[in-house]
C-alpha atoms as a PDB file:
ATOM      1  CA  UNK A   1      72.204  84.339 126.247  1.00  0.00           C
ATOM      2  CA  UNK A   2      71.570  86.492 124.101  1.00  0.00           C
ATOM      3  CA  UNK A   3      74.587  89.594 123.214  1.00  0.00           C
ATOM      4  CA  UNK A   4      73.954  92.752 121.586  1.00  0.00           C
ATOM      5  CA  UNK A   5      75.833  94.364 118.653  1.00  0.00           C
ATOM      6  CA  UNK A   6      76.510  96.989 121.660  1.00  0.00           C
ATOM      7  CA  UNK A   7      77.542  94.248 124.198  1.00  0.00           C
ATOM      8  CA  UNK A   8      80.153  92.069 122.049  1.00  0.00           C
ATOM      9  CA  UNK A   9      81.147  95.101 121.571  1.00  0.00           C
ATOM     10  CA  UNK A  10      82.320  96.465 125.095  1.00  0.00           C
ATOM     11  CA  UNK A  11      83.896  92.952 125.350  1.00  0.00           C
ATOM     12  CA  UNK A  12      86.009  93.702 122.286  1.00  0.00           C
ATOM     13  CA  UNK A  13      87.231  96.846 123.701  1.00  0.00           C
ATOM     14  CA  UNK A  14      87.795  95.006 127.110  1.00  0.00           C
ATOM     15  CA  UNK A  15      89.702  92.622 125.291  1.00  0.00           C
ATOM     16  CA  UNK A  16      91.643  94.428 123.684  1.00  0.00           C
ATOM     17  CA  UNK A  17      92.726  96.766 126.321  1.00  0.00           C
ATOM     18  CA  UNK A  18      93.561  93.749 128.197  1.00  0.00           C
ATOM     19  CA  UNK A  19      95.896  91.888 125.884  1.00  0.00           C
ATOM     20  CA  UNK A  20      97.433  94.986 124.208  1.00  0.00           C
ATOM     21  CA  UNK A  21      98.807  95.964 127.972  1.00  0.00           C
ATOM     22  CA  UNK A  22      99.787  92.965 128.753  1.00  0.00           C
ATOM     23  CA  UNK A  23     101.519  92.815 125.140  1.00  0.00           C
ATOM     24  CA  UNK A  24     103.201  96.184 125.921  1.00  0.00           C
ATOM     25  CA  UNK A  25     105.150  94.292 129.076  1.00  0.00           C
ATOM     26  CA  UNK A  26     109.273  93.946 127.864  1.00  0.00           C
ATOM     27  CA  UNK A  27     108.496  90.279 130.327  1.00  0.00           C
ATOM     28  CA  UNK A  28     106.072  89.004 127.867  1.00  0.00           C
ATOM     29  CA  UNK A  29     107.495  86.643 124.298  1.00  0.00           C
ATOM     30  CA  UNK A  30     107.208  87.678 121.205  1.00  0.00           C
ATOM     31  CA  UNK A  31     104.278  84.671 120.931  1.00  0.00           C
ATOM     32  CA  UNK A  32     102.468  85.797 123.510  1.00  0.00           C
ATOM     33  CA  UNK A  33     102.496  89.022 121.456  1.00  0.00           C
ATOM     34  CA  UNK A  34     101.570  87.603 118.078  1.00  0.00           C
ATOM     35  CA  UNK A  35      98.855  85.336 120.298  1.00  0.00           C
ATOM     36  CA  UNK A  36      97.207  88.398 121.762  1.00  0.00           C
ATOM     37  CA  UNK A  37      97.332  90.389 118.718  1.00  0.00           C
ATOM     38  CA  UNK A  38      95.826  87.391 116.754  1.00  0.00           C
ATOM     39  CA  UNK A  39      92.567  86.953 118.987  1.00  0.00           C
ATOM     40  CA  UNK A  40      92.279  91.153 118.825  1.00  0.00           C
ATOM     41  CA  UNK A  41      91.769  90.871 114.803  1.00  0.00           C
ATOM     42  CA  UNK A  42      90.255  87.299 114.762  1.00  0.00           C
ATOM     43  CA  UNK A  43      87.627  88.367 117.423  1.00  0.00           C
ATOM     44  CA  UNK A  44      87.118  91.681 115.166  1.00  0.00           C
ATOM     45  CA  UNK A  45      86.734  90.076 112.147  1.00  0.00           C
ATOM     46  CA  UNK A  46      84.920  86.743 113.387  1.00  0.00           C
ATOM     47  CA  UNK A  47      82.018  89.462 114.947  1.00  0.00           C
ATOM     48  CA  UNK A  48      82.045  91.344 111.689  1.00  0.00           C
ATOM     49  CA  UNK A  49      81.372  88.695 109.727  1.00  0.00           C
ATOM     50  CA  UNK A  50      79.234  86.877 112.118  1.00  0.00           C
ATOM     51  CA  UNK A  51      77.043  89.774 112.655  1.00  0.00           C
ATOM     52  CA  UNK A  52      76.175  89.442 108.667  1.00  0.00           C
ATOM     53  CA  UNK A  53      74.525  86.413 109.593  1.00  0.00           C
ATOM     54  CA  UNK A  54      72.988  87.571 113.008  1.00  0.00           C
ATOM     55  CA  UNK A  55      75.837  85.094 114.843  1.00  0.00           C
ATOM     56  CA  UNK A  56      78.128  88.036 116.144  1.00  0.00           C
ATOM     57  CA  UNK A  57      78.403  86.385 119.310  1.00  0.00           C
ATOM     58  CA  UNK A  58      79.761  82.590 117.405  1.00  0.00           C
ATOM     59  CA  UNK A  59      81.764  84.196 115.498  1.00  0.00           C
ATOM     60  CA  UNK A  60      83.752  86.837 118.073  1.00  0.00           C
ATOM     61  CA  UNK A  61      84.257  83.644 119.842  1.00  0.00           C
ATOM     62  CA  UNK A  62      85.709  81.361 116.584  1.00  0.00           C
ATOM     63  CA  UNK A  63      87.456  83.878 115.451  1.00  0.00           C
ATOM     64  CA  UNK A  64      89.541  84.817 118.187  1.00  0.00           C
ATOM     65  CA  UNK A  65      90.309  81.633 118.986  1.00  0.00           C
ATOM     66  CA  UNK A  66      91.523  80.647 115.130  1.00  0.00           C
ATOM     67  CA  UNK A  67      93.648  84.017 115.362  1.00  0.00           C
ATOM     68  CA  UNK A  68      95.230  83.631 118.572  1.00  0.00           C
ATOM     69  CA  UNK A  69      96.143  79.851 117.488  1.00  0.00           C
ATOM     70  CA  UNK A  70      98.115  82.080 113.880  1.00  0.00           C
ATOM     71  CA  UNK A  71      99.519  84.300 116.202  1.00  0.00           C
ATOM     72  CA  UNK A  72     101.178  81.857 118.051  1.00  0.00           C
ATOM     73  CA  UNK A  73     102.379  80.132 115.317  1.00  0.00           C
ATOM     74  CA  UNK A  74     103.614  82.720 113.552  1.00  0.00           C
ATOM     75  CA  UNK A  75     105.709  84.652 117.004  1.00  0.00           C
ATOM     76  CA  UNK A  76     107.051  80.603 118.003  1.00  0.00           C
ATOM     77  CA  UNK A  77     108.486  81.276 114.188  1.00  0.00           C
ATOM     78  CA  UNK A  78     109.760  84.054 114.949  1.00  0.00           C
ATOM     79  CA  UNK A  79     111.505  83.030 117.887  1.00  0.00           C
ATOM     80  CA  UNK A  80     112.459  79.970 116.802  1.00  0.00           C
ATOM     81  CA  UNK A  81     114.372  81.920 113.838  1.00  0.00           C
ATOM     82  CA  UNK A  82     116.308  83.882 115.895  1.00  0.00           C
ATOM     83  CA  UNK A  83     117.709  80.378 117.601  1.00  0.00           C
ATOM     84  CA  UNK A  84     118.277  79.321 114.352  1.00  0.00           C
ATOM     85  CA  UNK A  85     120.593  82.302 114.152  1.00  0.00           C
ATOM     86  CA  UNK A  86     122.488  81.959 117.272  1.00  0.00           C
ATOM     87  CA  UNK A  87     123.004  78.420 116.736  1.00  0.00           C
ATOM     88  CA  UNK A  88     124.353  79.002 113.367  1.00  0.00           C
ATOM     89  CA  UNK A  89     127.325  81.832 115.098  1.00  0.00           C
ATOM     90  CA  UNK A  90     127.610  79.277 117.757  1.00  0.00           C
ATOM     91  CA  UNK A  91     128.496  77.221 114.915  1.00  0.00           C
ATOM     92  CA  UNK A  92     130.825  79.120 113.053  1.00  0.00           C
ATOM     93  CA  UNK A  93     132.499  80.735 116.042  1.00  0.00           C
ATOM     94  CA  UNK A  94     133.664  76.529 116.297  1.00  0.00           C
ATOM     95  CA  UNK A  95     135.752  77.002 113.061  1.00  0.00           C
ATOM     96  CA  UNK A  96     137.089  79.928 113.670  1.00  0.00           C
ATOM     97  CA  UNK A  97     140.350  81.305 115.281  1.00  0.00           C
ATOM     98  CA  UNK A  98     140.516  82.356 119.416  1.00  0.00           C
ATOM     99  CA  UNK A  99     139.188  85.715 119.739  1.00  0.00           C
ATOM    100  CA  UNK A 100     136.764  85.989 116.994  1.00  0.00           C
ATOM    101  CA  UNK A 101     133.393  87.063 116.923  1.00  0.00           C
ATOM    102  CA  UNK A 102     130.592  85.502 115.066  1.00  0.00           C
ATOM    103  CA  UNK A 103     127.655  88.175 115.250  1.00  0.00           C
ATOM    104  CA  UNK A 104     124.297  87.256 114.927  1.00  0.00           C
ATOM    105  CA  UNK A 105     121.105  89.875 114.491  1.00  0.00           C
ATOM    106  CA  UNK A 106     117.867  89.283 113.735  1.00  0.00           C
ATOM    107  CA  UNK A 107     116.263  89.774 110.765  1.00  0.00           C
ATOM    108  CA  UNK A 108     112.127  90.400 112.131  1.00  0.00           C
ATOM    109  CA  UNK A 109     112.868  92.619 115.733  1.00  0.00           C
ATOM    110  CA  UNK A 110     115.769  95.478 115.893  1.00  0.00           C
ATOM    111  CA  UNK A 111     116.091  94.158 120.139  1.00  0.00           C
ATOM    112  CA  UNK A 112     117.290  91.429 119.598  1.00  0.00           C
ATOM    113  CA  UNK A 113     121.353  90.371 118.587  1.00  0.00           C
ATOM    114  CA  UNK A 114     124.325  88.306 119.942  1.00  0.00           C
ATOM    115  CA  UNK A 115     127.840  87.023 119.205  1.00  0.00           C
ATOM    116  CA  UNK A 116     130.117  84.141 119.740  1.00  0.00           C
ATOM    117  CA  UNK A 117     133.360  84.204 120.699  1.00  0.00           C
ATOM    118  CA  UNK A 118     136.033  81.179 120.956  1.00  0.00           C
ATOM    119  CA  UNK A 119     137.713  81.909 124.310  1.00  0.00           C
ATOM    120  CA  UNK A 120     139.611  79.129 124.195  1.00  0.00           C
ATOM    121  CA  UNK A 121     141.180  75.808 122.667  1.00  0.00           C
ATOM    122  CA  UNK A 122     142.393  72.583 124.016  1.00  0.00           C
ATOM    123  CA  UNK A 123     144.178  69.588 122.984  1.00  0.00           C
ATOM    124  CA  UNK A 124     144.170  66.692 125.120  1.00  0.00           C
ATOM    125  CA  UNK A 125     147.283  64.225 125.116  1.00  0.00           C
ATOM    126  CA  UNK A 126     145.202  61.540 123.456  1.00  0.00           C
ATOM    127  CA  UNK A 127     144.120  64.199 120.193  1.00  0.00           C
ATOM    128  CA  UNK A 128     141.099  65.175 121.544  1.00  0.00           C
ATOM    129  CA  UNK A 129     140.141  68.266 120.644  1.00  0.00           C
ATOM    130  CA  UNK A 130     138.123  71.037 122.614  1.00  0.00           C
ATOM    131  CA  UNK A 131     136.823  74.850 122.535  1.00  0.00           C
ATOM    132  CA  UNK A 132     134.917  76.835 124.893  1.00  0.00           C
ATOM    133  CA  UNK A 133     132.380  79.719 123.405  1.00  0.00           C
ATOM    134  CA  UNK A 134     131.193  82.105 124.609  1.00  0.00           C
ATOM    135  CA  UNK A 135     127.845  82.922 123.601  1.00  0.00           C
ATOM    136  CA  UNK A 136     125.879  86.361 124.438  1.00  0.00           C
ATOM    137  CA  UNK A 137     122.418  87.539 123.602  1.00  0.00           C
ATOM    138  CA  UNK A 138     120.762  90.849 124.060  1.00  0.00           C
ATOM    139  CA  UNK A 139     117.001  90.514 123.805  1.00  0.00           C
ATOM    140  CA  UNK A 140     115.240  93.717 124.269  1.00  0.00           C
ATOM    141  CA  UNK A 141     118.451  95.060 125.835  1.00  0.00           C
ATOM    142  CA  UNK A 142     118.935  92.588 128.513  1.00  0.00           C
ATOM    143  CA  UNK A 143     122.112  90.818 128.295  1.00  0.00           C
ATOM    144  CA  UNK A 144     121.917  86.906 128.525  1.00  0.00           C
ATOM    145  CA  UNK A 145     125.072  85.360 128.740  1.00  0.00           C
ATOM    146  CA  UNK A 146     126.024  81.432 128.344  1.00  0.00           C
ATOM    147  CA  UNK A 147     129.379  79.917 128.510  1.00  0.00           C
ATOM    148  CA  UNK A 148     129.921  76.327 126.764  1.00  0.00           C
ATOM    149  CA  UNK A 149     132.852  73.915 126.132  1.00  0.00           C
ATOM    150  CA  UNK A 150     132.819  71.631 123.264  1.00  0.00           C
ATOM    151  CA  UNK A 151     134.900  68.882 122.148  1.00  0.00           C
ATOM    152  CA  UNK A 152     134.917  67.151 118.354  1.00  0.00           C
ATOM    153  CA  UNK A 153     133.486  63.693 117.857  1.00  0.00           C
ATOM    154  CA  UNK A 154     136.424  61.325 117.055  1.00  0.00           C
ATOM    155  CA  UNK A 155     136.174  60.577 113.372  1.00  0.00           C
ATOM    156  CA  UNK A 156     133.159  63.084 112.526  1.00  0.00           C
ATOM    157  CA  UNK A 157     134.842  66.396 113.025  1.00  0.00           C
ATOM    158  CA  UNK A 158     131.465  67.269 114.114  1.00  0.00           C
ATOM    159  CA  UNK A 159     131.062  68.747 117.262  1.00  0.00           C
ATOM    160  CA  UNK A 160     129.284  68.543 120.653  1.00  0.00           C
ATOM    161  CA  UNK A 161     128.789  70.008 124.069  1.00  0.00           C
ATOM    162  CA  UNK A 162     131.438  68.379 126.889  1.00  0.00           C
END
């Protein structure tokens, strides 16, 4: 099957429109958006590079595949960085006075932020120390809340979910 430069352009426009539209949905993750963007950029770049050798179709397909993989990796890393920030706030909250608020925000995504607050502390008769931490994250306007109890592991000073 042979494609002309015009048909490749039409296919890329349709794919770009579909991915751009899906990337604008608020339910998609950063990883999905980055994957779509990587596919679009990779496909266009691959078609342009391949057209000089008469292989625009193959270049577009390979470029889209490689761009999609690169975009997914970048998107996953951004999500992971946000998770690390939330976990660091939770860990800090385990060592601050009850009621203190430890805030965090994404370095890359202005619509992603949150906080962790220790809401109770209890020492049991056998000496085991436990704390309850309330974590709240705001992701693109949606509030997500989680409350977890942590107890110190005897002899280590480390905290673990109860």
